[in-house]
N, C-alpha and C. Protein backbone atom coordinates (compact mmCIF):
# COMPACT_ATOMS: atom_id res chain seq x y z
N UNK A 1 0.49 -1.17 0.08
CA UNK A 1 -0.34 -0.40 -0.03
C UNK A 1 0.67 1.35 -0.06
N UNK A 2 2.48 1.10 0.36
CA UNK A 2 3.37 2.29 0.72
C UNK A 2 3.60 3.07 -0.89
N UNK A 3 3.71 1.80 -1.00
CA UNK A 3 3.77 2.38 -2.77
C UNK A 3 3.26 2.91 -3.77
N UNK A 4 1.68 2.52 -4.00
CA UNK A 4 0.59 3.52 -4.44
C UNK A 4 0.71 5.51 -3.34
N UNK A 5 1.07 5.17 -2.37
CA UNK A 5 1.33 6.54 -1.80
C UNK A 5 2.57 7.32 -2.23
N UNK A 6 3.51 6.62 -2.75
CA UNK A 6 4.77 7.44 -3.12
C UNK A 6 3.98 7.07 -4.09
N UNK A 7 3.56 6.62 -4.79
CA UNK A 7 2.96 6.73 -6.57
C UNK A 7 2.10 8.30 -6.50
N UNK A 8 1.47 8.55 -5.66
CA UNK A 8 0.55 9.97 -6.07
C UNK A 8 -0.91 10.12 -5.80
N UNK A 9 -0.83 8.72 -6.09
CA UNK A 9 -2.31 8.17 -6.35
C UNK A 9 -3.94 8.29 -5.01
N UNK A 10 -5.05 8.47 -4.98
CA UNK A 10 -4.90 8.58 -4.19
C UNK A 10 -6.35 7.18 -3.61
N UNK A 11 -6.12 6.69 -2.39
CA UNK A 11 -5.21 5.60 -2.12
C UNK A 11 -6.71 4.98 -1.02
N UNK A 12 -6.84 3.86 -0.64
CA UNK A 12 -8.06 3.54 -0.01
C UNK A 12 -7.70 2.77 0.50
N UNK A 13 -7.69 2.94 2.90
CA UNK A 13 -7.27 1.47 2.93
C UNK A 13 -8.74 0.59 3.78
N UNK A 14 -8.17 -1.01 3.80
CA UNK A 14 -9.03 -1.22 5.10
C UNK A 14 -8.05 -1.06 6.35
N UNK A 15 -9.49 -0.45 7.06
CA UNK A 15 -8.82 -1.18 8.42
C UNK A 15 -9.57 -2.10 9.46
N UNK A 16 -8.07 -3.38 10.47
CA UNK A 16 -8.85 -4.51 10.70
C UNK A 16 -8.59 -4.18 12.40
N UNK A 17 -9.13 -4.73 13.18
CA UNK A 17 -9.26 -5.14 14.34
C UNK A 17 -7.96 -5.48 14.75
N UNK A 18 -6.71 -5.77 16.28
CA UNK A 18 -5.58 -6.97 16.09
C UNK A 18 -6.37 -8.10 15.86
N UNK A 19 -7.45 -8.21 16.16
CA UNK A 19 -7.90 -10.17 15.95
C UNK A 19 -8.88 -10.60 14.74
N UNK A 20 -8.90 -9.46 13.69
CA UNK A 20 -8.81 -9.51 12.26
C UNK A 20 -10.29 -8.93 12.15
N UNK A 21 -10.62 -8.27 12.32
CA UNK A 21 -12.47 -7.96 12.72
C UNK A 21 -12.20 -7.01 11.72
N UNK A 22 -12.93 -6.71 10.76
CA UNK A 22 -12.65 -5.50 10.20
C UNK A 22 -13.66 -4.62 10.69
N UNK A 23 -12.40 -2.89 10.94
CA UNK A 23 -14.36 -2.04 11.24
C UNK A 23 -13.68 -0.69 10.46
N UNK A 24 -13.62 -0.58 9.29
CA UNK A 24 -13.86 0.56 8.23
C UNK A 24 -12.48 0.51 7.30
N UNK A 25 -12.29 1.86 6.70
CA UNK A 25 -11.35 2.66 5.45
C UNK A 25 -10.84 3.45 6.52
N UNK A 26 -9.71 3.68 5.31
CA UNK A 26 -8.73 4.97 5.73
C UNK A 26 -8.27 5.29 4.15
N UNK A 27 -8.83 7.11 4.01
CA UNK A 27 -8.75 6.92 3.02
C UNK A 27 -8.00 8.36 2.98
N UNK A 28 -6.37 8.39 1.50
CA UNK A 28 -5.66 9.53 1.19
C UNK A 28 -5.80 10.16 -0.04
N UNK A 29 -6.54 11.81 -0.48
CA UNK A 29 -6.48 12.13 -1.53
C UNK A 29 -4.63 12.90 -1.31
N UNK A 30 -5.32 13.54 -2.73
CA UNK A 30 -3.57 14.36 -3.60
C UNK A 30 -2.39 14.34 -2.54
N UNK A 31 -2.07 12.77 -2.40
CA UNK A 31 -0.68 12.58 -1.56
C UNK A 31 0.01 13.86 -2.12
N UNK A 32 0.37 14.04 -3.43
CA UNK A 32 1.39 15.20 -3.60
C UNK A 32 1.51 15.96 -3.48
N UNK A 33 0.11 16.81 -2.69
CA UNK A 33 -0.09 18.28 -1.83
C UNK A 33 0.18 18.19 -1.05
N UNK A 34 0.91 19.88 -0.93
CA UNK A 34 1.47 19.95 0.66
C UNK A 34 0.44 19.87 1.68
N UNK A 35 -0.75 19.98 1.02
CA UNK A 35 -1.73 19.14 2.30
C UNK A 35 -2.60 17.71 1.93
N UNK A 36 -2.76 17.55 1.73
CA UNK A 36 -3.01 16.16 1.46
C UNK A 36 -4.87 15.74 2.69
N UNK A 37 -5.14 15.28 1.85
CA UNK A 37 -6.73 15.07 3.01
C UNK A 37 -7.24 13.13 3.55
N UNK A 38 -6.96 13.37 4.84
CA UNK A 38 -7.76 12.18 4.81
C UNK A 38 -8.91 11.94 5.46
N UNK A 39 -9.68 10.72 4.97
CA UNK A 39 -10.89 10.38 5.33
C UNK A 39 -10.77 9.23 6.11
N UNK A 40 -11.77 9.08 6.34
CA UNK A 40 -11.59 7.98 7.64
C UNK A 40 -13.44 7.72 7.61
N UNK A 41 -13.98 5.86 7.28
CA UNK A 41 -15.01 5.76 7.90
C UNK A 41 -15.18 4.52 9.02
N UNK A 42 -15.31 4.88 9.50
CA UNK A 42 -16.21 3.17 10.39
C UNK A 42 -17.31 2.84 10.74
N UNK A 43 -16.99 1.54 10.26
CA UNK A 43 -18.84 0.87 10.85
C UNK A 43 -19.27 1.45 12.18
N UNK A 44 -20.01 1.77 12.53
CA UNK A 44 -21.45 2.35 13.48
C UNK A 44 -20.73 1.31 15.13
N UNK A 45 -20.69 0.29 14.83
CA UNK A 45 -20.26 0.10 15.97
C UNK A 45 -18.85 -0.46 16.21
N UNK A 46 -18.15 -0.12 15.64
CA UNK A 46 -16.88 0.18 15.62
C UNK A 46 -16.92 1.36 16.56
N UNK A 47 -17.18 2.42 16.44
CA UNK A 47 -17.54 3.72 16.86
C UNK A 47 -17.17 3.22 18.72
N UNK A 48 -16.34 5.32 18.66
CA UNK A 48 -16.63 4.82 20.45
C UNK A 48 -15.42 3.64 21.11
N UNK A 49 -14.63 3.19 20.37
CA UNK A 49 -13.74 2.21 20.71
C UNK A 49 -11.78 2.53 20.19
N UNK A 50 -11.55 4.17 20.78
CA UNK A 50 -9.97 4.73 20.23
C UNK A 50 -9.77 4.12 18.26
N UNK A 51 -10.74 3.73 18.14
CA UNK A 51 -10.29 2.98 17.40
C UNK A 51 -9.43 4.62 15.83
N UNK A 52 -10.17 5.38 15.83
CA UNK A 52 -10.24 6.28 14.60
C UNK A 52 -9.15 7.04 14.98
N UNK A 53 -9.32 7.45 16.08
CA UNK A 53 -7.86 8.43 16.14
C UNK A 53 -7.02 7.74 16.20
N UNK A 54 -6.59 6.68 16.85
CA UNK A 54 -5.44 5.70 16.32
C UNK A 54 -4.89 5.73 14.99
N UNK A 55 -5.90 4.70 14.21
CA UNK A 55 -5.88 4.10 13.01
C UNK A 55 -5.04 6.37 11.60
N UNK A 56 -6.11 7.33 12.59
CA UNK A 56 -5.52 8.09 12.39
C UNK A 56 -4.00 9.32 12.45
N UNK A 57 -3.14 8.91 13.74
CA UNK A 57 -2.75 8.97 13.82
C UNK A 57 -1.27 8.10 13.73
N UNK A 58 -1.65 6.70 13.87
CA UNK A 58 -0.29 6.16 13.50
C UNK A 58 -0.39 5.94 11.36
N UNK A 59 -1.17 6.21 10.58
CA UNK A 59 -1.39 6.38 8.95
C UNK A 59 -0.56 8.01 9.13
N UNK A 60 -1.45 9.02 9.70
CA UNK A 60 -0.65 10.09 9.99
C UNK A 60 0.97 9.88 9.43
N UNK A 61 1.29 9.47 10.66
CA UNK A 61 2.23 9.27 10.82
C UNK A 61 3.38 8.90 10.08
N UNK A 62 3.07 7.84 9.70
CA UNK A 62 3.43 6.43 8.58
C UNK A 62 3.43 7.72 6.83
N UNK A 63 2.06 8.25 6.97
CA UNK A 63 2.98 8.74 5.54
C UNK A 63 3.37 10.29 5.69
N UNK A 64 3.54 10.65 6.87
CA UNK A 64 4.78 11.77 6.92
C UNK A 64 6.00 10.81 6.89
N UNK A 65 6.76 10.22 7.04
CA UNK A 65 7.94 9.85 7.31
C UNK A 65 7.64 9.52 5.80
N UNK A 66 6.91 8.89 5.05
CA UNK A 66 7.33 9.15 3.89
C UNK A 66 7.59 9.93 2.82
N UNK A 67 6.76 10.98 2.96
CA UNK A 67 6.88 12.60 2.02
C UNK A 67 6.87 13.72 3.64
N UNK A 68 7.50 14.65 3.93
CA UNK A 68 6.75 14.90 4.64
C UNK A 68 5.74 16.51 4.09
N UNK A 69 4.49 16.62 4.67
CA UNK A 69 3.20 17.25 4.29
C UNK A 69 3.75 18.64 5.95
N UNK A 70 2.46 20.01 5.28
CA UNK A 70 3.02 21.43 6.05
C UNK A 70 2.12 20.31 7.30
N UNK A 71 0.50 19.70 6.54
CA UNK A 71 -0.33 19.31 7.45
C UNK A 71 -1.44 18.58 6.31
N UNK A 72 -2.28 18.10 7.34
CA UNK A 72 -3.09 16.59 6.85
C UNK A 72 -4.36 17.72 6.61
N UNK A 73 -5.30 17.57 5.67
CA UNK A 73 -6.95 18.43 5.72
C UNK A 73 -7.48 16.84 5.96
N UNK A 74 -9.20 17.98 6.95
CA UNK A 74 -9.79 16.70 6.75
C UNK A 74 -10.81 17.93 6.86
N UNK A 75 -11.76 16.70 5.65
CA UNK A 75 -12.79 17.61 5.43
C UNK A 75 -14.80 16.59 6.41
N UNK A 76 -15.36 17.47 7.46
CA UNK A 76 -15.93 16.64 8.35
C UNK A 76 -17.54 17.44 7.70
N UNK A 77 -18.64 16.54 7.42
CA UNK A 77 -20.13 16.79 7.26
C UNK A 77 -20.32 17.90 8.37
N UNK A 78 -21.18 18.80 9.05
CA UNK A 78 -21.53 19.15 9.55
C UNK A 78 -22.21 19.46 10.62
N UNK A 79 -23.16 17.93 10.26
CA UNK A 79 -24.09 16.68 10.85
C UNK A 79 -22.72 16.07 11.07
N UNK A 80 -21.70 14.84 11.03
CA UNK A 80 -21.31 14.14 12.22
C UNK A 80 -20.66 14.30 12.94
N UNK A 81 -21.77 14.91 13.93
CA UNK A 81 -21.00 15.13 14.93
C UNK A 81 -19.84 14.67 16.31
N UNK A 82 -19.96 12.92 15.26
CA UNK A 82 -19.24 12.02 15.72
C UNK A 82 -17.78 12.51 15.78
N UNK A 83 -17.47 12.28 14.22
CA UNK A 83 -16.29 13.04 13.67
C UNK A 83 -15.82 14.30 14.27
N UNK A 84 -17.01 15.04 14.46
CA UNK A 84 -16.12 16.47 14.24
C UNK A 84 -15.70 16.44 15.77
N UNK A 85 -16.19 15.34 17.15
CA UNK A 85 -15.70 15.33 18.42
C UNK A 85 -14.45 14.88 18.36
N UNK A 86 -14.13 13.86 17.16
CA UNK A 86 -12.81 13.07 17.76
C UNK A 86 -11.46 13.50 16.70
N UNK A 87 -11.99 14.47 15.84
CA UNK A 87 -11.37 15.79 15.17
C UNK A 87 -10.75 16.13 15.53
N UNK A 88 -11.30 17.01 16.59
CA UNK A 88 -11.89 18.08 17.85
C UNK A 88 -9.87 17.66 18.70
N UNK A 89 -11.10 16.76 19.23
CA UNK A 89 -10.21 15.72 20.68
C UNK A 89 -8.78 15.40 20.12
N UNK A 90 -8.58 15.62 18.90
CA UNK A 90 -6.99 14.75 18.20
C UNK A 90 -6.29 16.11 18.76
N UNK A 91 -6.71 16.91 18.18
CA UNK A 91 -6.56 18.30 17.83
C UNK A 91 -6.50 19.45 16.51
N UNK A 92 -7.26 18.42 16.28
CA UNK A 92 -6.63 19.60 14.87
C UNK A 92 -8.14 20.41 14.70
N UNK A 93 -7.26 21.95 14.40
CA UNK A 93 -7.81 23.20 14.15
C UNK A 93 -8.70 23.19 12.87
N UNK A 94 -10.00 23.59 13.02
CA UNK A 94 -11.18 24.02 12.29
C UNK A 94 -10.39 25.43 11.63
N UNK A 95 -10.35 25.36 10.27
CA UNK A 95 -9.24 26.06 9.47
C UNK A 95 -10.55 27.16 8.75
N UNK A 96 -12.06 26.56 8.29
CA UNK A 96 -13.41 27.21 7.69
C UNK A 96 -13.97 26.32 7.31
N UNK A 97 -15.62 26.87 5.75
CA UNK A 97 -16.12 25.37 6.19
C UNK A 97 -16.14 25.65 3.61
N UNK A 98 -17.20 25.03 3.54
CA UNK A 98 -16.82 25.41 2.34
C UNK A 98 -18.40 24.24 1.92
N UNK A 99 -19.03 24.85 0.69
CA UNK A 99 -19.69 23.62 0.49
C UNK A 99 -20.33 22.60 -0.02
N UNK A 100 -20.71 21.60 0.13
CA UNK A 100 -21.52 19.62 0.53
C UNK A 100 -21.20 20.07 -1.73
N UNK A 101 -21.23 18.86 -1.79
CA UNK A 101 -20.84 18.55 -3.04
C UNK A 101 -22.38 18.68 -3.36
N UNK A 102 -23.98 19.30 -3.29
CA UNK A 102 -25.07 18.54 -3.31
C UNK A 102 -24.77 20.19 -4.31
N UNK A 103 -24.14 20.49 -3.01
CA UNK A 103 -24.28 22.42 -3.92
C UNK A 103 -23.30 23.73 -5.24
N UNK A 104 -22.43 21.95 -4.60
CA UNK A 104 -21.66 22.53 -6.07
C UNK A 104 -21.69 22.27 -7.63
N UNK A 105 -23.13 20.75 -7.78
CA UNK A 105 -23.60 20.64 -8.15
C UNK A 105 -24.70 20.93 -8.96
N UNK A 106 -25.54 21.36 -8.00
CA UNK A 106 -26.45 22.31 -8.23
C UNK A 106 -25.84 23.46 -8.78
N UNK A 107 -24.60 24.21 -8.43
CA UNK A 107 -24.56 25.31 -8.88
C UNK A 107 -24.47 25.49 -10.64
N UNK A 108 -23.28 24.11 -10.58
CA UNK A 108 -22.84 24.21 -11.60
C UNK A 108 -23.75 23.84 -12.70
N UNK A 109 -24.55 22.74 -12.22
CA UNK A 109 -26.08 22.42 -13.33
C UNK A 109 -27.34 22.80 -13.19
N UNK A 110 -27.18 24.61 -12.84
CA UNK A 110 -28.07 25.28 -11.83
C UNK A 110 -28.82 26.06 -13.85
N UNK A 111 -27.38 26.24 -14.31
CA UNK A 111 -28.69 26.89 -15.52
C UNK A 111 -28.94 25.92 -16.84
N UNK A 112 -28.80 24.89 -16.91
CA UNK A 112 -28.97 24.38 -17.49
C UNK A 112 -30.69 23.32 -16.80
N UNK A 113 -30.74 23.15 -15.89
CA UNK A 113 -31.58 22.72 -14.92
C UNK A 113 -32.12 23.36 -15.87
N UNK A 114 -32.48 25.27 -15.42
CA UNK A 114 -33.18 25.75 -15.37
C UNK A 114 -34.52 26.38 -16.77
N UNK A 115 -33.37 25.74 -17.82
CA UNK A 115 -33.34 25.37 -19.44
C UNK A 115 -34.51 24.43 -19.65
N UNK A 116 -34.24 23.11 -18.69
CA UNK A 116 -35.03 22.31 -18.84
C UNK A 116 -36.18 21.64 -17.67
N UNK A 117 -36.33 22.65 -17.09
CA UNK A 117 -37.39 22.87 -16.49
C UNK A 117 -37.48 22.21 -15.32
N UNK A 118 -35.60 21.35 -14.64
CA UNK A 118 -35.95 20.21 -14.02
C UNK A 118 -35.41 20.74 -12.72
N UNK A 119 -36.63 20.09 -11.69
CA UNK A 119 -35.88 20.89 -10.49
C UNK A 119 -34.63 20.03 -9.70
N UNK A 120 -33.43 20.50 -9.55
CA UNK A 120 -32.36 20.11 -8.67
C UNK A 120 -32.58 18.85 -8.13
N UNK A 121 -33.34 19.80 -7.06
CA UNK A 121 -34.14 19.46 -5.24
C UNK A 121 -33.99 17.66 -4.95
N UNK A 122 -34.43 17.27 -6.02
CA UNK A 122 -35.33 15.92 -6.10
C UNK A 122 -33.94 15.22 -6.06
N UNK A 123 -32.13 15.58 -6.46
CA UNK A 123 -31.62 15.01 -6.39
C UNK A 123 -30.94 14.68 -5.69
N UNK A 124 -30.89 15.64 -4.91
CA UNK A 124 -29.54 15.94 -2.91
C UNK A 124 -30.02 14.64 -2.33
N UNK A 125 -31.21 13.86 -2.38
CA UNK A 125 -30.66 12.26 -2.03
C UNK A 125 -30.02 11.41 -2.19
N UNK A 126 -29.38 11.67 -3.49
CA UNK A 126 -28.72 10.97 -4.08
C UNK A 126 -27.34 10.91 -3.59
N UNK A 127 -26.98 13.02 -2.76
CA UNK A 127 -26.09 12.46 -2.88
C UNK A 127 -25.77 12.69 -1.25
N UNK A 128 -27.06 12.24 -0.32
CA UNK A 128 -27.27 11.95 0.79
C UNK A 128 -26.87 13.34 2.09
N UNK A 129 -27.60 14.25 1.30
CA UNK A 129 -27.24 15.71 2.42
C UNK A 129 -28.41 16.24 2.16
N UNK A 130 -28.22 17.26 4.20
CA UNK A 130 -29.76 17.69 4.29
C UNK A 130 -29.90 19.31 2.85
N UNK A 131 -30.59 20.06 3.43
CA UNK A 131 -30.88 21.66 3.31
C UNK A 131 -29.48 22.77 3.78
N UNK A 132 -29.46 22.27 4.79
CA UNK A 132 -28.39 23.11 6.08
C UNK A 132 -26.79 22.82 5.92
N UNK A 133 -26.82 21.41 5.80
CA UNK A 133 -25.96 20.84 5.61
C UNK A 133 -24.26 20.96 4.75
N UNK A 134 -23.25 22.25 5.63
CA UNK A 134 -21.87 22.09 5.44
C UNK A 134 -21.02 21.61 5.67
N UNK A 135 -19.64 21.81 4.94
CA UNK A 135 -18.70 20.89 5.31
C UNK A 135 -17.82 21.61 6.21
N UNK A 136 -17.41 21.78 6.97
CA UNK A 136 -16.65 21.88 7.79
C UNK A 136 -14.78 21.77 7.64
N UNK A 137 -14.09 22.70 7.17
CA UNK A 137 -12.42 22.25 6.61
C UNK A 137 -11.55 22.22 8.14
N UNK A 138 -11.09 21.40 8.34
CA UNK A 138 -10.20 20.99 9.46
C UNK A 138 -8.47 20.90 9.00
N UNK A 139 -7.59 21.52 9.54
CA UNK A 139 -6.47 20.91 9.43
C UNK A 139 -5.69 20.02 10.62
N UNK A 140 -5.06 19.21 10.34
CA UNK A 140 -4.90 17.98 11.47
C UNK A 140 -2.65 18.39 11.24
N UNK A 141 -2.14 18.36 12.16
CA UNK A 141 -0.85 19.62 11.90
C UNK A 141 -0.03 18.64 12.58
N UNK A 142 1.03 17.70 12.65
CA UNK A 142 2.19 17.30 12.70
C UNK A 142 1.84 16.97 14.22
N UNK A 143 2.80 18.02 14.84
CA UNK A 143 2.89 18.17 16.34
C UNK A 143 1.09 17.09 16.99
N UNK A 144 0.22 16.72 16.44
CA UNK A 144 -1.10 15.77 16.78
C UNK A 144 -0.72 14.74 16.88
N UNK A 145 0.73 14.29 15.24
CA UNK A 145 0.19 12.74 15.23
C UNK A 145 2.18 12.50 14.89
N UNK A 146 2.93 13.17 15.67
CA UNK A 146 4.75 12.95 14.91
C UNK A 146 4.79 11.87 16.60
N UNK A 147 4.14 13.01 18.12
CA UNK A 147 4.58 12.11 19.51
C UNK A 147 2.70 11.72 19.79
N UNK A 148 3.56 10.29 19.35
CA UNK A 148 1.98 9.56 19.54
C UNK A 148 2.10 9.09 21.20
N UNK A 149 0.51 9.45 21.34
CA UNK A 149 0.38 9.61 22.13
C UNK A 149 -0.20 7.89 23.51
N UNK A 150 -0.23 7.76 24.08
CA UNK A 150 -0.38 6.11 24.78
C UNK A 150 -2.61 6.28 24.29
N UNK A 151 -2.74 5.48 23.21
CA UNK A 151 -3.98 5.83 23.25
C UNK A 151 -5.53 4.63 23.84
């Protein structure tokens, strides 16, 4: 898997517990950037077991050993209070907000949809987003993962 990182390809890796149970995945996007993005997705039954912070710290540390970065970018839906709590507790710093994928889609195709009499809101469910949702952007700086704390 580290060859994928060195080859600068976006990569998704499976996460397993010590006894081999699948618990989710972790992803690295834009590995060539000075601020690559990390995403993590855990099964609901594996949350609140300190798996996410441990996996993110270990993953970030290993990526950083391969290629020094300024920081890692983390994007979290405003509806995902669990992830917000996990990353803020890890020391991630909120650096801004941005539109959701559906909002960007709607903006890009608004004119075409209007010309065709199509209501794009009918497609919001495909993006699994609510009308009041936004994306919070966080920075995970090296000092939060280089010195691994006892987890």
